[in-house]
Amino acid sequence: MRQATITRDTAETKITVSLNLDDYSTIDIDTGIGFFDHMLNAFAKHGRFGLVVKADGDLQVDPHHTTEDVGIVLGQCFKQALGDKAGIERFGTAFVPLDETLSRVVIDLSGRSYLVFDAEFDNPKLGGYDTEVTEDFFQAFAFNAELNCHAAVLYGRNTHHKIETLFKALGRAMRAAVTLNPEIKGIPSTKGVI
């Protein structure tokens, strides 16, 4: 089974993430940030990932450290669970609509970390979640999973819808990229390593 459990313990947060790429029967998210929990649930459900996240962060300061550190650990879990990446599709693309909003996420599990993030949020806060930390989460995730991620809100009005479509599209694009394909022999790269 392709899975990983990683704990990150700092003076600001204690994060434990368990990821299972092949069995999504367990999804249990508790970060202390209601909207972020909703987004991670959507990511896991639409990506068909088993995901358990337990986060204890300095929310009395703000949600930034918790959100970013979850992105770090989740990215590390994907990197570990994928191992040498033999037989995976490697690339994933997803377009996700929600009412008036449409977002796109494109992934390359290239072993190279890069994020292009194109989204503007008119509402700065959703519950206890600062919307600007969405990009920080995507950055932390992309750099620690060692992947290329191109994420864009193509159009929309509602900030909740914009962020939710980004998380759902990230889940679906990651599902496509991590899928094992029996027609792919070995590492899907002309270099022979990714």
N, C-alpha and C. Protein backbone atom coordinates (compact mmCIF):
# COMPACT_ATOMS: atom_id res chain seq x y z
N MET A 1 0.84 -1.20 0.00
CA MET A 1 0.00 0.00 0.00
C MET A 1 0.88 1.25 0.00
N ARG A 2 0.47 2.21 -0.79
CA ARG A 2 1.20 3.47 -0.86
C ARG A 2 0.64 4.40 0.20
N GLN A 3 1.36 4.50 1.31
CA GLN A 3 0.87 5.31 2.41
C GLN A 3 2.02 5.90 3.20
N ALA A 4 1.70 6.90 4.03
CA ALA A 4 2.72 7.55 4.85
C ALA A 4 2.04 8.22 6.04
N THR A 5 2.76 8.27 7.15
CA THR A 5 2.35 9.05 8.32
C THR A 5 3.55 9.85 8.77
N ILE A 6 3.36 11.15 8.90
CA ILE A 6 4.46 12.05 9.28
C ILE A 6 3.94 13.03 10.33
N THR A 7 4.79 13.28 11.34
CA THR A 7 4.49 14.29 12.36
C THR A 7 5.54 15.39 12.29
N ARG A 8 5.07 16.62 12.35
CA ARG A 8 5.96 17.79 12.42
C ARG A 8 5.61 18.52 13.71
N ASP A 9 6.61 18.69 14.59
CA ASP A 9 6.40 19.29 15.90
C ASP A 9 7.33 20.47 16.05
N THR A 10 6.75 21.69 16.09
CA THR A 10 7.55 22.90 16.24
C THR A 10 7.00 23.72 17.42
N ALA A 11 7.62 24.85 17.68
CA ALA A 11 7.15 25.74 18.74
C ALA A 11 5.81 26.37 18.38
N GLU A 12 5.43 26.31 17.10
CA GLU A 12 4.18 26.94 16.65
C GLU A 12 3.05 25.95 16.41
N THR A 13 3.39 24.74 15.97
CA THR A 13 2.36 23.76 15.62
C THR A 13 2.83 22.35 15.91
N LYS A 14 1.85 21.46 16.10
CA LYS A 14 2.12 20.02 16.08
C LYS A 14 1.12 19.43 15.09
N ILE A 15 1.65 18.89 14.00
CA ILE A 15 0.83 18.39 12.90
C ILE A 15 1.16 16.92 12.68
N THR A 16 0.12 16.08 12.62
CA THR A 16 0.28 14.70 12.20
C THR A 16 -0.66 14.44 11.04
N VAL A 17 -0.10 13.92 9.95
CA VAL A 17 -0.88 13.60 8.75
C VAL A 17 -0.63 12.14 8.39
N SER A 18 -1.72 11.41 8.15
CA SER A 18 -1.64 10.06 7.61
C SER A 18 -2.34 10.06 6.26
N LEU A 19 -1.66 9.56 5.24
CA LEU A 19 -2.16 9.56 3.87
C LEU A 19 -2.14 8.15 3.32
N ASN A 20 -3.22 7.76 2.66
CA ASN A 20 -3.28 6.48 1.96
C ASN A 20 -3.76 6.77 0.54
N LEU A 21 -2.90 6.48 -0.44
CA LEU A 21 -3.23 6.79 -1.82
C LEU A 21 -4.24 5.82 -2.42
N ASP A 22 -4.41 4.65 -1.82
CA ASP A 22 -5.18 3.59 -2.45
C ASP A 22 -6.42 3.14 -1.68
N ASP A 23 -6.68 3.73 -0.53
CA ASP A 23 -7.85 3.37 0.26
C ASP A 23 -8.40 4.64 0.91
N TYR A 24 -9.53 5.11 0.40
CA TYR A 24 -10.07 6.36 0.91
C TYR A 24 -11.25 6.16 1.85
N SER A 25 -11.26 5.02 2.55
CA SER A 25 -12.36 4.74 3.46
C SER A 25 -12.29 5.58 4.74
N THR A 26 -11.11 6.13 5.05
CA THR A 26 -10.97 6.94 6.26
C THR A 26 -10.55 8.36 5.90
N ILE A 27 -11.43 9.31 6.22
CA ILE A 27 -11.12 10.73 6.11
C ILE A 27 -11.52 11.36 7.44
N ASP A 28 -10.54 11.94 8.14
CA ASP A 28 -10.79 12.52 9.46
C ASP A 28 -9.88 13.73 9.61
N ILE A 29 -10.47 14.91 9.57
CA ILE A 29 -9.70 16.15 9.55
C ILE A 29 -10.04 16.99 10.78
N ASP A 30 -9.03 17.44 11.50
CA ASP A 30 -9.24 18.34 12.64
C ASP A 30 -8.04 19.27 12.76
N THR A 31 -8.19 20.47 12.20
CA THR A 31 -7.11 21.46 12.28
C THR A 31 -7.43 22.59 13.26
N GLY A 32 -8.66 22.62 13.75
CA GLY A 32 -9.08 23.74 14.58
C GLY A 32 -9.57 24.93 13.78
N ILE A 33 -9.53 24.82 12.45
CA ILE A 33 -10.00 25.89 11.55
C ILE A 33 -11.11 25.30 10.70
N GLY A 34 -12.35 25.64 11.00
CA GLY A 34 -13.49 25.00 10.37
C GLY A 34 -13.48 25.02 8.85
N PHE A 35 -13.22 26.17 8.27
CA PHE A 35 -13.22 26.27 6.81
C PHE A 35 -12.09 25.44 6.20
N PHE A 36 -10.92 25.44 6.83
CA PHE A 36 -9.79 24.65 6.34
C PHE A 36 -10.12 23.16 6.42
N ASP A 37 -10.76 22.73 7.50
CA ASP A 37 -11.21 21.34 7.60
C ASP A 37 -12.12 20.99 6.42
N HIS A 38 -13.04 21.88 6.11
CA HIS A 38 -13.96 21.68 4.98
C HIS A 38 -13.19 21.52 3.67
N MET A 39 -12.15 22.34 3.47
CA MET A 39 -11.36 22.28 2.24
C MET A 39 -10.56 20.98 2.16
N LEU A 40 -9.95 20.56 3.26
CA LEU A 40 -9.17 19.31 3.25
C LEU A 40 -10.08 18.10 3.06
N ASN A 41 -11.28 18.15 3.63
CA ASN A 41 -12.26 17.09 3.39
C ASN A 41 -12.60 17.01 1.91
N ALA A 42 -12.83 18.18 1.28
CA ALA A 42 -13.16 18.21 -0.15
C ALA A 42 -11.99 17.68 -0.98
N PHE A 43 -10.76 18.08 -0.63
CA PHE A 43 -9.56 17.59 -1.31
C PHE A 43 -9.50 16.07 -1.26
N ALA A 44 -9.66 15.50 -0.06
CA ALA A 44 -9.54 14.06 0.11
C ALA A 44 -10.69 13.32 -0.57
N LYS A 45 -11.90 13.81 -0.41
CA LYS A 45 -13.07 13.14 -0.98
C LYS A 45 -12.99 13.09 -2.50
N HIS A 46 -12.68 14.22 -3.11
CA HIS A 46 -12.66 14.29 -4.58
C HIS A 46 -11.37 13.72 -5.16
N GLY A 47 -10.31 13.63 -4.34
CA GLY A 47 -9.08 12.97 -4.78
C GLY A 47 -9.08 11.49 -4.48
N ARG A 48 -10.07 11.03 -3.72
CA ARG A 48 -10.17 9.64 -3.30
C ARG A 48 -8.91 9.19 -2.55
N PHE A 49 -8.54 10.02 -1.55
CA PHE A 49 -7.41 9.72 -0.69
C PHE A 49 -7.89 9.44 0.72
N GLY A 50 -7.31 8.42 1.35
CA GLY A 50 -7.48 8.28 2.79
C GLY A 50 -6.63 9.35 3.45
N LEU A 51 -7.24 10.15 4.32
CA LEU A 51 -6.51 11.28 4.90
C LEU A 51 -6.95 11.53 6.34
N VAL A 52 -5.99 11.50 7.24
CA VAL A 52 -6.22 11.86 8.63
C VAL A 52 -5.27 13.00 8.95
N VAL A 53 -5.84 14.12 9.41
CA VAL A 53 -5.04 15.29 9.77
C VAL A 53 -5.42 15.72 11.18
N LYS A 54 -4.43 15.78 12.05
CA LYS A 54 -4.61 16.29 13.40
C LYS A 54 -3.62 17.43 13.58
N ALA A 55 -4.14 18.62 13.82
CA ALA A 55 -3.28 19.80 13.94
C ALA A 55 -3.60 20.56 15.22
N ASP A 56 -2.56 20.89 15.94
CA ASP A 56 -2.68 21.73 17.13
C ASP A 56 -1.73 22.90 16.91
N GLY A 57 -2.31 24.04 16.57
CA GLY A 57 -1.49 25.19 16.21
C GLY A 57 -1.78 26.42 17.05
N ASP A 58 -0.96 27.44 16.85
CA ASP A 58 -1.09 28.68 17.61
C ASP A 58 -2.18 29.57 16.99
N LEU A 59 -3.40 29.08 17.04
CA LEU A 59 -4.52 29.81 16.44
C LEU A 59 -4.83 31.11 17.16
N GLN A 60 -4.31 31.27 18.38
CA GLN A 60 -4.48 32.54 19.07
C GLN A 60 -3.70 33.64 18.37
N VAL A 61 -2.71 33.25 17.57
CA VAL A 61 -1.96 34.22 16.76
C VAL A 61 -2.74 34.49 15.48
N ASP A 62 -2.87 33.46 14.66
CA ASP A 62 -3.68 33.49 13.44
C ASP A 62 -3.59 32.10 12.80
N PRO A 63 -4.32 31.86 11.71
CA PRO A 63 -4.31 30.51 11.12
C PRO A 63 -3.13 30.21 10.20
N HIS A 64 -2.23 31.15 10.02
CA HIS A 64 -1.18 30.99 9.01
C HIS A 64 -0.27 29.80 9.28
N HIS A 65 0.29 29.71 10.49
CA HIS A 65 1.25 28.64 10.78
C HIS A 65 0.61 27.27 10.63
N THR A 66 -0.61 27.12 11.13
CA THR A 66 -1.29 25.83 11.04
C THR A 66 -1.54 25.45 9.59
N THR A 67 -2.06 26.39 8.81
CA THR A 67 -2.39 26.10 7.42
C THR A 67 -1.14 25.76 6.62
N GLU A 68 -0.11 26.55 6.77
CA GLU A 68 1.13 26.31 6.02
C GLU A 68 1.78 25.00 6.44
N ASP A 69 1.82 24.73 7.75
CA ASP A 69 2.48 23.51 8.23
C ASP A 69 1.72 22.25 7.81
N VAL A 70 0.40 22.32 7.74
CA VAL A 70 -0.36 21.18 7.19
C VAL A 70 0.04 20.96 5.74
N GLY A 71 0.21 22.03 4.98
CA GLY A 71 0.66 21.91 3.59
C GLY A 71 2.03 21.25 3.50
N ILE A 72 2.93 21.62 4.41
CA ILE A 72 4.27 21.03 4.43
C ILE A 72 4.18 19.52 4.66
N VAL A 73 3.45 19.12 5.71
CA VAL A 73 3.41 17.71 6.08
C VAL A 73 2.63 16.90 5.04
N LEU A 74 1.54 17.45 4.51
CA LEU A 74 0.79 16.74 3.47
C LEU A 74 1.67 16.51 2.24
N GLY A 75 2.43 17.53 1.85
CA GLY A 75 3.35 17.36 0.73
C GLY A 75 4.39 16.29 1.00
N GLN A 76 4.95 16.27 2.21
CA GLN A 76 5.94 15.26 2.57
C GLN A 76 5.33 13.85 2.52
N CYS A 77 4.06 13.74 2.94
CA CYS A 77 3.40 12.44 2.90
C CYS A 77 3.24 11.94 1.47
N PHE A 78 2.85 12.83 0.55
CA PHE A 78 2.73 12.41 -0.85
C PHE A 78 4.09 11.96 -1.38
N LYS A 79 5.13 12.72 -1.09
CA LYS A 79 6.46 12.35 -1.58
C LYS A 79 6.86 10.97 -1.07
N GLN A 80 6.64 10.72 0.22
CA GLN A 80 7.02 9.44 0.80
C GLN A 80 6.15 8.30 0.27
N ALA A 81 4.84 8.52 0.18
CA ALA A 81 3.92 7.46 -0.26
C ALA A 81 4.16 7.07 -1.71
N LEU A 82 4.64 8.00 -2.52
CA LEU A 82 4.87 7.71 -3.94
C LEU A 82 6.18 6.97 -4.20
N GLY A 83 7.08 6.96 -3.25
CA GLY A 83 8.34 6.23 -3.42
C GLY A 83 9.09 6.68 -4.66
N ASP A 84 9.47 5.72 -5.51
CA ASP A 84 10.24 6.08 -6.72
C ASP A 84 9.35 6.49 -7.89
N LYS A 85 8.02 6.45 -7.69
CA LYS A 85 7.02 6.90 -8.68
C LYS A 85 6.91 5.99 -9.90
N ALA A 86 7.42 4.80 -9.80
CA ALA A 86 7.32 3.85 -10.92
C ALA A 86 5.85 3.55 -11.22
N GLY A 87 5.52 3.61 -12.50
CA GLY A 87 4.20 3.22 -12.97
C GLY A 87 3.09 4.24 -12.82
N ILE A 88 3.40 5.42 -12.29
CA ILE A 88 2.34 6.43 -12.10
C ILE A 88 2.10 7.21 -13.39
N GLU A 89 0.93 7.79 -13.49
CA GLU A 89 0.61 8.65 -14.64
C GLU A 89 1.49 9.89 -14.69
N ARG A 90 1.85 10.43 -13.53
CA ARG A 90 2.72 11.57 -13.35
C ARG A 90 2.02 12.92 -13.54
N PHE A 91 1.23 13.08 -14.58
CA PHE A 91 0.55 14.34 -14.85
C PHE A 91 -0.92 14.26 -14.48
N GLY A 92 -1.47 15.37 -14.03
CA GLY A 92 -2.89 15.41 -13.73
C GLY A 92 -3.45 16.80 -13.99
N THR A 93 -4.65 16.84 -14.56
CA THR A 93 -5.33 18.10 -14.84
C THR A 93 -6.77 17.99 -14.39
N ALA A 94 -7.26 19.04 -13.75
CA ALA A 94 -8.67 19.04 -13.34
C ALA A 94 -9.25 20.43 -13.46
N PHE A 95 -10.43 20.50 -14.04
CA PHE A 95 -11.26 21.69 -14.03
C PHE A 95 -12.44 21.40 -13.11
N VAL A 96 -12.72 22.29 -12.17
CA VAL A 96 -13.83 22.09 -11.25
C VAL A 96 -14.69 23.34 -11.20
N PRO A 97 -15.99 23.20 -11.50
CA PRO A 97 -16.92 24.31 -11.37
C PRO A 97 -17.65 24.27 -10.03
N LEU A 98 -18.11 25.39 -9.57
CA LEU A 98 -19.05 25.49 -8.46
C LEU A 98 -19.87 26.74 -8.70
N ASP A 99 -21.09 26.54 -9.16
CA ASP A 99 -21.98 27.65 -9.52
C ASP A 99 -21.28 28.59 -10.50
N GLU A 100 -21.00 29.81 -10.09
CA GLU A 100 -20.47 30.82 -11.02
C GLU A 100 -18.96 30.74 -11.19
N THR A 101 -18.31 29.85 -10.47
CA THR A 101 -16.84 29.80 -10.42
C THR A 101 -16.31 28.58 -11.18
N LEU A 102 -15.17 28.77 -11.85
CA LEU A 102 -14.47 27.68 -12.49
C LEU A 102 -12.98 27.80 -12.18
N SER A 103 -12.39 26.71 -11.69
CA SER A 103 -10.95 26.69 -11.40
C SER A 103 -10.28 25.52 -12.09
N ARG A 104 -8.98 25.68 -12.30
CA ARG A 104 -8.16 24.65 -12.97
C ARG A 104 -6.90 24.43 -12.15
N VAL A 105 -6.52 23.15 -11.98
CA VAL A 105 -5.24 22.80 -11.38
C VAL A 105 -4.56 21.77 -12.27
N VAL A 106 -3.29 22.01 -12.58
CA VAL A 106 -2.49 21.10 -13.40
C VAL A 106 -1.26 20.70 -12.59
N ILE A 107 -1.00 19.40 -12.52
CA ILE A 107 0.08 18.84 -11.69
C ILE A 107 1.07 18.07 -12.56
N ASP A 108 2.35 18.18 -12.21
CA ASP A 108 3.39 17.31 -12.74
C ASP A 108 4.22 16.84 -11.56
N LEU A 109 4.19 15.55 -11.29
CA LEU A 109 4.99 14.97 -10.20
C LEU A 109 6.42 14.80 -10.68
N SER A 110 7.05 15.90 -10.96
CA SER A 110 8.32 15.96 -11.68
C SER A 110 9.55 15.80 -10.79
N GLY A 111 9.38 15.91 -9.48
CA GLY A 111 10.53 15.97 -8.60
C GLY A 111 11.10 17.37 -8.49
N ARG A 112 10.51 18.31 -9.20
CA ARG A 112 10.92 19.72 -9.14
C ARG A 112 9.78 20.54 -8.56
N SER A 113 10.10 21.38 -7.60
CA SER A 113 9.09 22.16 -6.89
C SER A 113 8.85 23.49 -7.58
N TYR A 114 7.58 23.72 -7.96
CA TYR A 114 7.24 25.02 -8.56
C TYR A 114 5.74 25.24 -8.42
N LEU A 115 5.38 26.47 -8.08
CA LEU A 115 3.96 26.84 -7.98
C LEU A 115 3.70 28.08 -8.80
N VAL A 116 2.65 28.01 -9.61
CA VAL A 116 2.07 29.19 -10.24
C VAL A 116 0.65 29.27 -9.69
N PHE A 117 0.33 30.37 -9.02
CA PHE A 117 -0.96 30.52 -8.35
C PHE A 117 -1.61 31.80 -8.84
N ASP A 118 -2.75 31.67 -9.47
CA ASP A 118 -3.44 32.82 -10.06
C ASP A 118 -4.87 32.88 -9.53
N ALA A 119 -5.05 33.59 -8.43
CA ALA A 119 -6.38 33.70 -7.83
C ALA A 119 -6.43 34.97 -6.98
N GLU A 120 -7.56 35.63 -7.03
CA GLU A 120 -7.79 36.80 -6.19
C GLU A 120 -9.05 36.56 -5.38
N PHE A 121 -8.96 36.91 -4.09
CA PHE A 121 -10.08 36.69 -3.18
C PHE A 121 -10.54 38.03 -2.61
N ASP A 122 -11.78 38.39 -2.89
CA ASP A 122 -12.31 39.67 -2.42
C ASP A 122 -12.61 39.65 -0.93
N ASN A 123 -13.00 38.50 -0.42
CA ASN A 123 -13.32 38.38 1.00
C ASN A 123 -12.07 37.92 1.75
N PRO A 124 -11.52 38.71 2.66
CA PRO A 124 -10.26 38.35 3.31
C PRO A 124 -10.38 37.26 4.37
N LYS A 125 -11.60 36.96 4.81
CA LYS A 125 -11.75 36.00 5.90
C LYS A 125 -13.02 35.18 5.70
N LEU A 126 -12.89 33.87 5.91
CA LEU A 126 -14.04 32.97 5.89
C LEU A 126 -14.03 32.21 7.22
N GLY A 127 -14.91 32.59 8.14
CA GLY A 127 -14.85 32.04 9.49
C GLY A 127 -13.52 32.40 10.11
N GLY A 128 -12.80 31.41 10.63
CA GLY A 128 -11.49 31.65 11.22
C GLY A 128 -10.34 31.46 10.26
N TYR A 129 -10.64 31.48 8.97
CA TYR A 129 -9.64 31.20 7.93
C TYR A 129 -9.33 32.48 7.17
N ASP A 130 -8.06 32.85 7.12
CA ASP A 130 -7.63 33.99 6.30
C ASP A 130 -7.41 33.52 4.88
N THR A 131 -8.16 34.08 3.94
CA THR A 131 -8.15 33.53 2.58
C THR A 131 -6.79 33.66 1.90
N GLU A 132 -5.98 34.64 2.29
CA GLU A 132 -4.67 34.79 1.66
C GLU A 132 -3.74 33.62 1.95
N VAL A 133 -4.01 32.84 3.01
CA VAL A 133 -3.13 31.71 3.32
C VAL A 133 -3.37 30.53 2.37
N THR A 134 -4.37 30.62 1.52
CA THR A 134 -4.60 29.57 0.53
C THR A 134 -3.36 29.39 -0.34
N GLU A 135 -2.80 30.48 -0.81
CA GLU A 135 -1.58 30.39 -1.63
C GLU A 135 -0.42 29.83 -0.83
N ASP A 136 -0.33 30.18 0.45
CA ASP A 136 0.75 29.66 1.30
C ASP A 136 0.62 28.14 1.45
N PHE A 137 -0.61 27.64 1.60
CA PHE A 137 -0.83 26.19 1.66
C PHE A 137 -0.37 25.53 0.36
N PHE A 138 -0.78 26.06 -0.78
CA PHE A 138 -0.41 25.47 -2.07
C PHE A 138 1.11 25.51 -2.26
N GLN A 139 1.74 26.60 -1.83
CA GLN A 139 3.20 26.72 -1.94
C GLN A 139 3.89 25.65 -1.10
N ALA A 140 3.47 25.53 0.15
CA ALA A 140 4.07 24.54 1.05
C ALA A 140 3.87 23.13 0.52
N PHE A 141 2.67 22.86 0.04
CA PHE A 141 2.36 21.53 -0.49
C PHE A 141 3.23 21.21 -1.71
N ALA A 142 3.27 22.12 -2.67
CA ALA A 142 4.02 21.89 -3.92
C ALA A 142 5.51 21.69 -3.64
N PHE A 143 6.07 22.51 -2.75
CA PHE A 143 7.51 22.44 -2.52
C PHE A 143 7.90 21.19 -1.74
N ASN A 144 7.04 20.75 -0.84
CA ASN A 144 7.38 19.57 -0.05
C ASN A 144 7.03 18.26 -0.75
N ALA A 145 6.06 18.28 -1.65
CA ALA A 145 5.77 17.11 -2.47
C ALA A 145 6.71 17.02 -3.66
N GLU A 146 7.45 18.09 -3.92
CA GLU A 146 8.38 18.20 -5.05
C GLU A 146 7.65 17.98 -6.37
N LEU A 147 6.68 18.88 -6.60
CA LEU A 147 5.89 18.81 -7.82
C LEU A 147 5.67 20.20 -8.40
N ASN A 148 5.30 20.23 -9.66
CA ASN A 148 4.83 21.46 -10.31
C ASN A 148 3.33 21.55 -10.10
N CYS A 149 2.85 22.71 -9.69
CA CYS A 149 1.41 22.93 -9.53
C CYS A 149 1.06 24.27 -10.14
N HIS A 150 0.17 24.24 -11.11
CA HIS A 150 -0.36 25.46 -11.73
C HIS A 150 -1.83 25.54 -11.35
N ALA A 151 -2.16 26.48 -10.48
CA ALA A 151 -3.52 26.60 -9.95
C ALA A 151 -4.08 27.96 -10.32
N ALA A 152 -5.30 27.97 -10.86
CA ALA A 152 -5.90 29.23 -11.29
C ALA A 152 -7.41 29.20 -11.11
N VAL A 153 -7.93 30.31 -10.59
CA VAL A 153 -9.37 30.55 -10.66
C VAL A 153 -9.61 31.25 -11.99
N LEU A 154 -10.30 30.60 -12.89
CA LEU A 154 -10.51 31.16 -14.23
C LEU A 154 -11.53 32.28 -14.21
N TYR A 155 -12.57 32.12 -13.40
CA TYR A 155 -13.53 33.19 -13.15
C TYR A 155 -14.41 32.80 -11.98
N GLY A 156 -15.07 33.80 -11.43
CA GLY A 156 -15.95 33.56 -10.30
C GLY A 156 -16.15 34.83 -9.50
N ARG A 157 -17.05 34.77 -8.55
CA ARG A 157 -17.38 35.92 -7.71
C ARG A 157 -17.21 35.60 -6.23
N ASN A 158 -17.72 34.44 -5.81
CA ASN A 158 -17.80 34.08 -4.40
C ASN A 158 -16.47 33.49 -3.92
N THR A 159 -15.89 34.08 -2.87
CA THR A 159 -14.59 33.64 -2.38
C THR A 159 -14.61 32.20 -1.90
N HIS A 160 -15.66 31.81 -1.20
CA HIS A 160 -15.79 30.42 -0.75
C HIS A 160 -15.75 29.48 -1.95
N HIS A 161 -16.50 29.80 -2.99
CA HIS A 161 -16.53 28.96 -4.18
C HIS A 161 -15.16 28.89 -4.85
N LYS A 162 -14.46 30.01 -4.90
CA LYS A 162 -13.14 30.03 -5.53
C LYS A 162 -12.16 29.10 -4.82
N ILE A 163 -12.10 29.21 -3.51
CA ILE A 163 -11.15 28.39 -2.76
C ILE A 163 -11.57 26.92 -2.79
N GLU A 164 -12.87 26.67 -2.68
CA GLU A 164 -13.33 25.28 -2.69
C GLU A 164 -13.03 24.60 -4.03
N THR A 165 -13.20 25.32 -5.13
CA THR A 165 -12.90 24.70 -6.42
C THR A 165 -11.40 24.45 -6.58
N LEU A 166 -10.57 25.30 -6.00
CA LEU A 166 -9.12 25.06 -6.06
C LEU A 166 -8.75 23.79 -5.30
N PHE A 167 -9.31 23.59 -4.11
CA PHE A 167 -8.99 22.40 -3.33
C PHE A 167 -9.54 21.14 -3.99
N LYS A 168 -10.75 21.20 -4.52
CA LYS A 168 -11.32 20.03 -5.21
C LYS A 168 -10.50 19.71 -6.46
N ALA A 169 -10.12 20.74 -7.20
CA ALA A 169 -9.32 20.52 -8.41
C ALA A 169 -7.95 19.97 -8.06
N LEU A 170 -7.36 20.43 -6.95
CA LEU A 170 -6.08 19.88 -6.51
C LEU A 170 -6.23 18.39 -6.21
N GLY A 171 -7.29 18.03 -5.52
CA GLY A 171 -7.53 16.62 -5.23
C GLY A 171 -7.67 15.78 -6.48
N ARG A 172 -8.47 16.25 -7.43
CA ARG A 172 -8.72 15.48 -8.65
C ARG A 172 -7.47 15.41 -9.53
N ALA A 173 -6.70 16.50 -9.60
CA ALA A 173 -5.47 16.48 -10.39
C ALA A 173 -4.43 15.56 -9.76
N MET A 174 -4.34 15.58 -8.43
CA MET A 174 -3.42 14.67 -7.75
C MET A 174 -3.84 13.22 -7.95
N ARG A 175 -5.14 12.94 -7.90
CA ARG A 175 -5.61 11.57 -8.14
C ARG A 175 -5.17 11.09 -9.52
N ALA A 176 -5.37 11.94 -10.53
CA ALA A 176 -4.96 11.57 -11.88
C ALA A 176 -3.46 11.31 -11.95
N ALA A 177 -2.66 12.15 -11.29
CA ALA A 177 -1.20 12.04 -11.38
C ALA A 177 -0.65 10.82 -10.64
N VAL A 178 -1.25 10.45 -9.51
CA VAL A 178 -0.71 9.33 -8.71
C VAL A 178 -1.24 7.97 -9.16
N THR A 179 -2.20 7.96 -10.08
CA THR A 179 -2.81 6.71 -10.51
C THR A 179 -1.78 5.81 -11.18
N LEU A 180 -1.79 4.55 -10.77
CA LEU A 180 -0.90 3.55 -11.39
C LEU A 180 -1.50 3.08 -12.71
N ASN A 181 -0.67 3.01 -13.72
CA ASN A 181 -1.09 2.59 -15.04
C ASN A 181 -0.24 1.38 -15.44
N PRO A 182 -0.86 0.21 -15.61
CA PRO A 182 -0.07 -0.99 -15.93
C PRO A 182 0.67 -0.89 -17.26
N GLU A 183 0.28 0.05 -18.11
CA GLU A 183 0.97 0.22 -19.39
C GLU A 183 2.28 0.99 -19.24
N ILE A 184 2.44 1.67 -18.10
CA ILE A 184 3.67 2.43 -17.87
C ILE A 184 4.67 1.53 -17.17
N LYS A 185 5.78 1.30 -17.83
CA LYS A 185 6.84 0.44 -17.30
C LYS A 185 7.93 1.31 -16.67
N GLY A 186 8.13 1.14 -15.38
CA GLY A 186 9.19 1.87 -14.70
C GLY A 186 8.83 3.33 -14.44
N ILE A 187 9.86 4.16 -14.45
CA ILE A 187 9.71 5.59 -14.12
C ILE A 187 9.25 6.35 -15.35
N PRO A 188 8.16 7.13 -15.24
CA PRO A 188 7.65 7.86 -16.41
C PRO A 188 8.46 9.13 -16.71
N SER A 189 9.69 8.95 -17.13
CA SER A 189 10.56 10.09 -17.46
C SER A 189 11.67 9.61 -18.39
N THR A 190 12.04 10.44 -19.35
CA THR A 190 13.16 10.12 -20.22
C THR A 190 14.47 10.09 -19.45
N LYS A 191 14.50 10.74 -18.27
CA LYS A 191 15.70 10.73 -17.44
C LYS A 191 15.88 9.41 -16.71
N GLY A 192 14.77 8.68 -16.52
CA GLY A 192 14.82 7.43 -15.77
C GLY A 192 14.67 7.63 -14.27
N VAL A 193 14.47 8.88 -13.86
CA VAL A 193 14.27 9.19 -12.44
C VAL A 193 13.47 10.48 -12.34
N ILE A 194 12.55 10.53 -11.35
CA ILE A 194 11.85 11.78 -11.07
C ILE A 194 11.71 11.96 -9.56
